[in-house]
Amino acid sequence: MNETETPEPTKQPVSEDGGPPIGSAWTLVVDGDGGWSADLEHAAPLPRAGERIEFIGEDGRRRHYRVTEVIHTLQTAAGERPRVRDEQTGPNSIVTDRAEEDPPRELRAGLPRVLVVPEDEL
């Protein structure tokens, strides 16, 4: 490519069935193994119930988990939330945090929660 050519825009990969791009952020929720949860630091394909997940810990050990459930979450859209400094709850609160007020009119997707159990507990 010479200096006058415009580079081709990069395209995000799509799933084989033409669905949305492969990979997004999600929250891993471990039931058992001390019970913990963490948000992924990078995009990854969203697993399905029954699939096996490999986790490599900080100590280098591999642990295997089985997905039991995937929960899709919702949040109030940014246009309907107060400014962060004016909020009484955190910006990642769920839409039912304000039951005494009118329900939100606009929603956005929150991080999906992927519930897993250690494979050796099955």
C-alpha atoms as a PDB file:
ATOM      1  CA  MET A   1       0.000   0.000   0.000  1.00  0.00           C
ATOM      2  CA  ASN A   2       1.406   3.409  -0.910  1.00  0.00           C
ATOM      3  CA  GLU A   3       0.863   6.672   0.999  1.00  0.00           C
ATOM      4  CA  THR A   4      -2.113   7.780  -1.135  1.00  0.00           C
ATOM      5  CA  GLU A   5      -4.152   4.609  -0.608  1.00  0.00           C
ATOM      6  CA  THR A   6      -6.785   4.512   2.087  1.00  0.00           C
ATOM      7  CA  PRO A   7      -6.550   1.434   4.317  1.00  0.00           C
ATOM      8  CA  GLU A   8      -9.515  -0.923   4.330  1.00  0.00           C
ATOM      9  CA  PRO A   9     -11.642  -0.532   7.475  1.00  0.00           C
ATOM     10  CA  THR A  10     -11.306  -3.473   9.801  1.00  0.00           C
ATOM     11  CA  LYS A  11     -14.463  -5.459  10.335  1.00  0.00           C
ATOM     12  CA  GLN A  12     -15.448  -7.167  13.543  1.00  0.00           C
ATOM     13  CA  PRO A  13     -15.939 -10.901  13.108  1.00  0.00           C
ATOM     14  CA  VAL A  14     -19.531 -12.103  13.057  1.00  0.00           C
ATOM     15  CA  SER A  15     -20.803 -15.461  14.144  1.00  0.00           C
ATOM     16  CA  GLU A  16     -21.229 -18.149  11.503  1.00  0.00           C
ATOM     17  CA  ASP A  17     -25.010 -17.661  11.504  1.00  0.00           C
ATOM     18  CA  GLY A  18     -24.662 -13.943  10.685  1.00  0.00           C
ATOM     19  CA  GLY A  19     -25.394 -12.835  14.254  1.00  0.00           C
ATOM     20  CA  PRO A  20     -23.684 -10.088  16.217  1.00  0.00           C
ATOM     21  CA  PRO A  21     -19.889  -9.875  16.488  1.00  0.00           C
ATOM     22  CA  ILE A  22     -18.247 -12.729  18.340  1.00  0.00           C
ATOM     23  CA  GLY A  23     -17.122 -11.660  21.761  1.00  0.00           C
ATOM     24  CA  SER A  24     -18.339  -9.241  24.375  1.00  0.00           C
ATOM     25  CA  ALA A  25     -17.701  -8.493  28.005  1.00  0.00           C
ATOM     26  CA  TRP A  26     -19.507 -10.635  30.587  1.00  0.00           C
ATOM     27  CA  THR A  27     -19.394 -11.445  34.283  1.00  0.00           C
ATOM     28  CA  LEU A  28     -18.287 -14.886  35.485  1.00  0.00           C
ATOM     29  CA  VAL A  29     -20.108 -15.986  38.660  1.00  0.00           C
ATOM     30  CA  VAL A  30     -18.704 -19.083  40.385  1.00  0.00           C
ATOM     31  CA  ASP A  31     -21.032 -21.070  42.650  1.00  0.00           C
ATOM     32  CA  GLY A  32     -18.762 -23.164  44.846  1.00  0.00           C
ATOM     33  CA  ASP A  33     -14.956 -23.011  44.912  1.00  0.00           C
ATOM     34  CA  GLY A  34     -15.263 -20.285  47.553  1.00  0.00           C
ATOM     35  CA  GLY A  35     -17.922 -18.414  45.545  1.00  0.00           C
ATOM     36  CA  TRP A  36     -16.555 -15.462  43.614  1.00  0.00           C
ATOM     37  CA  SER A  37     -17.301 -13.357  40.554  1.00  0.00           C
ATOM     38  CA  ALA A  38     -15.309 -11.223  38.125  1.00  0.00           C
ATOM     39  CA  ASP A  39     -15.857  -9.182  34.967  1.00  0.00           C
ATOM     40  CA  LEU A  40     -13.815 -10.206  31.938  1.00  0.00           C
ATOM     41  CA  GLU A  41     -11.051  -7.759  31.115  1.00  0.00           C
ATOM     42  CA  HIS A  42     -11.489  -8.329  27.356  1.00  0.00           C
ATOM     43  CA  ALA A  43     -14.214  -9.449  24.974  1.00  0.00           C
ATOM     44  CA  ALA A  44     -14.857 -13.181  24.714  1.00  0.00           C
ATOM     45  CA  PRO A  45     -17.549 -15.368  23.155  1.00  0.00           C
ATOM     46  CA  LEU A  46     -20.555 -15.744  25.442  1.00  0.00           C
ATOM     47  CA  PRO A  47     -20.764 -19.405  26.513  1.00  0.00           C
ATOM     48  CA  ARG A  48     -23.989 -21.400  26.651  1.00  0.00           C
ATOM     49  CA  ALA A  49     -25.423 -23.538  29.423  1.00  0.00           C
ATOM     50  CA  GLY A  50     -23.675 -26.914  29.534  1.00  0.00           C
ATOM     51  CA  GLU A  51     -20.408 -25.669  28.019  1.00  0.00           C
ATOM     52  CA  ARG A  52     -17.054 -26.110  29.731  1.00  0.00           C
ATOM     53  CA  ILE A  53     -14.927 -23.083  30.669  1.00  0.00           C
ATOM     54  CA  GLU A  54     -11.227 -23.224  31.429  1.00  0.00           C
ATOM     55  CA  PHE A  55      -9.863 -20.708  33.934  1.00  0.00           C
ATOM     56  CA  ILE A  56      -6.142 -20.200  34.414  1.00  0.00           C
ATOM     57  CA  GLY A  57      -5.478 -18.705  37.838  1.00  0.00           C
ATOM     58  CA  GLU A  58      -2.717 -16.326  38.844  1.00  0.00           C
ATOM     59  CA  ASP A  59      -0.812 -19.344  40.160  1.00  0.00           C
ATOM     60  CA  GLY A  60      -0.877 -20.903  36.664  1.00  0.00           C
ATOM     61  CA  ARG A  61      -3.192 -23.759  37.667  1.00  0.00           C
ATOM     62  CA  ARG A  62      -6.028 -24.639  35.322  1.00  0.00           C
ATOM     63  CA  ARG A  63      -9.534 -25.021  36.686  1.00  0.00           C
ATOM     64  CA  HIS A  64     -12.521 -26.196  34.727  1.00  0.00           C
ATOM     65  CA  TYR A  65     -16.075 -25.003  35.242  1.00  0.00           C
ATOM     66  CA  ARG A  66     -19.390 -26.017  33.709  1.00  0.00           C
ATOM     67  CA  VAL A  67     -21.871 -23.273  32.726  1.00  0.00           C
ATOM     68  CA  THR A  68     -25.206 -23.781  34.487  1.00  0.00           C
ATOM     69  CA  GLU A  69     -27.024 -20.621  33.397  1.00  0.00           C
ATOM     70  CA  VAL A  70     -26.565 -17.406  31.413  1.00  0.00           C
ATOM     71  CA  ILE A  71     -28.560 -14.411  32.669  1.00  0.00           C
ATOM     72  CA  HIS A  72     -28.987 -11.366  30.454  1.00  0.00           C
ATOM     73  CA  THR A  73     -29.233  -8.147  32.450  1.00  0.00           C
ATOM     74  CA  LEU A  74     -30.632  -4.665  31.797  1.00  0.00           C
ATOM     75  CA  GLN A  75     -29.644  -1.217  33.002  1.00  0.00           C
ATOM     76  CA  THR A  76     -31.338   2.130  32.742  1.00  0.00           C
ATOM     77  CA  ALA A  77     -30.136   3.952  29.611  1.00  0.00           C
ATOM     78  CA  ALA A  78     -27.563   6.686  30.191  1.00  0.00           C
ATOM     79  CA  GLY A  79     -30.004   9.419  29.171  1.00  0.00           C
ATOM     80  CA  GLU A  80     -32.357   8.480  32.015  1.00  0.00           C
ATOM     81  CA  ARG A  81     -29.759   8.172  34.771  1.00  0.00           C
ATOM     82  CA  PRO A  82     -28.689  11.126  36.897  1.00  0.00           C
ATOM     83  CA  ARG A  83     -25.104  12.282  36.671  1.00  0.00           C
ATOM     84  CA  VAL A  84     -22.811   9.959  38.647  1.00  0.00           C
ATOM     85  CA  ARG A  85     -21.979  12.648  41.197  1.00  0.00           C
ATOM     86  CA  ASP A  86     -25.740  13.181  41.828  1.00  0.00           C
ATOM     87  CA  GLU A  87     -26.639   9.493  42.228  1.00  0.00           C
ATOM     88  CA  GLN A  88     -27.391   7.897  45.556  1.00  0.00           C
ATOM     89  CA  THR A  89     -26.684   4.410  44.188  1.00  0.00           C
ATOM     90  CA  GLY A  90     -23.830   3.249  41.983  1.00  0.00           C
ATOM     91  CA  PRO A  91     -23.928   3.730  38.201  1.00  0.00           C
ATOM     92  CA  ASN A  92     -24.099  -0.050  37.705  1.00  0.00           C
ATOM     93  CA  SER A  93     -27.213  -0.476  39.834  1.00  0.00           C
ATOM     94  CA  ILE A  94     -30.031  -2.526  38.374  1.00  0.00           C
ATOM     95  CA  VAL A  95     -33.245  -0.995  37.070  1.00  0.00           C
ATOM     96  CA  THR A  96     -35.277  -2.064  40.118  1.00  0.00           C
ATOM     97  CA  ASP A  97     -33.153  -0.043  42.539  1.00  0.00           C
ATOM     98  CA  ARG A  98     -35.646   2.820  42.371  1.00  0.00           C
ATOM     99  CA  ALA A  99     -38.977   1.009  42.855  1.00  0.00           C
ATOM    100  CA  GLU A 100     -40.628   4.071  44.398  1.00  0.00           C
ATOM    101  CA  GLU A 101     -40.110   6.072  41.189  1.00  0.00           C
ATOM    102  CA  ASP A 102     -41.570   5.583  37.729  1.00  0.00           C
ATOM    103  CA  PRO A 103     -39.993   2.702  35.808  1.00  0.00           C
ATOM    104  CA  PRO A 104     -37.385   3.650  33.190  1.00  0.00           C
ATOM    105  CA  ARG A 105     -38.557   4.273  29.633  1.00  0.00           C
ATOM    106  CA  GLU A 106     -35.210   3.466  28.035  1.00  0.00           C
ATOM    107  CA  LEU A 107     -32.991   0.489  28.814  1.00  0.00           C
ATOM    108  CA  ARG A 108     -29.623  -0.762  27.653  1.00  0.00           C
ATOM    109  CA  ALA A 109     -28.059  -4.166  27.905  1.00  0.00           C
ATOM    110  CA  GLY A 110     -25.961  -4.834  30.975  1.00  0.00           C
ATOM    111  CA  LEU A 111     -23.198  -7.388  31.254  1.00  0.00           C
ATOM    112  CA  PRO A 112     -24.507 -10.943  30.903  1.00  0.00           C
ATOM    113  CA  ARG A 113     -23.862 -13.051  34.021  1.00  0.00           C
ATOM    114  CA  VAL A 114     -22.442 -16.519  33.318  1.00  0.00           C
ATOM    115  CA  LEU A 115     -23.110 -18.824  36.287  1.00  0.00           C
ATOM    116  CA  VAL A 116     -20.750 -21.783  36.619  1.00  0.00           C
ATOM    117  CA  VAL A 117     -19.906 -24.603  39.015  1.00  0.00           C
ATOM    118  CA  PRO A 118     -16.547 -26.364  39.373  1.00  0.00           C
ATOM    119  CA  GLU A 119     -16.556 -29.343  37.038  1.00  0.00           C
ATOM    120  CA  ASP A 120     -15.471 -31.694  39.829  1.00  0.00           C
ATOM    121  CA  GLU A 121     -18.673 -30.861  41.759  1.00  0.00           C
ATOM    122  CA  LEU A 122     -20.979 -32.225  39.031  1.00  0.00           C
END
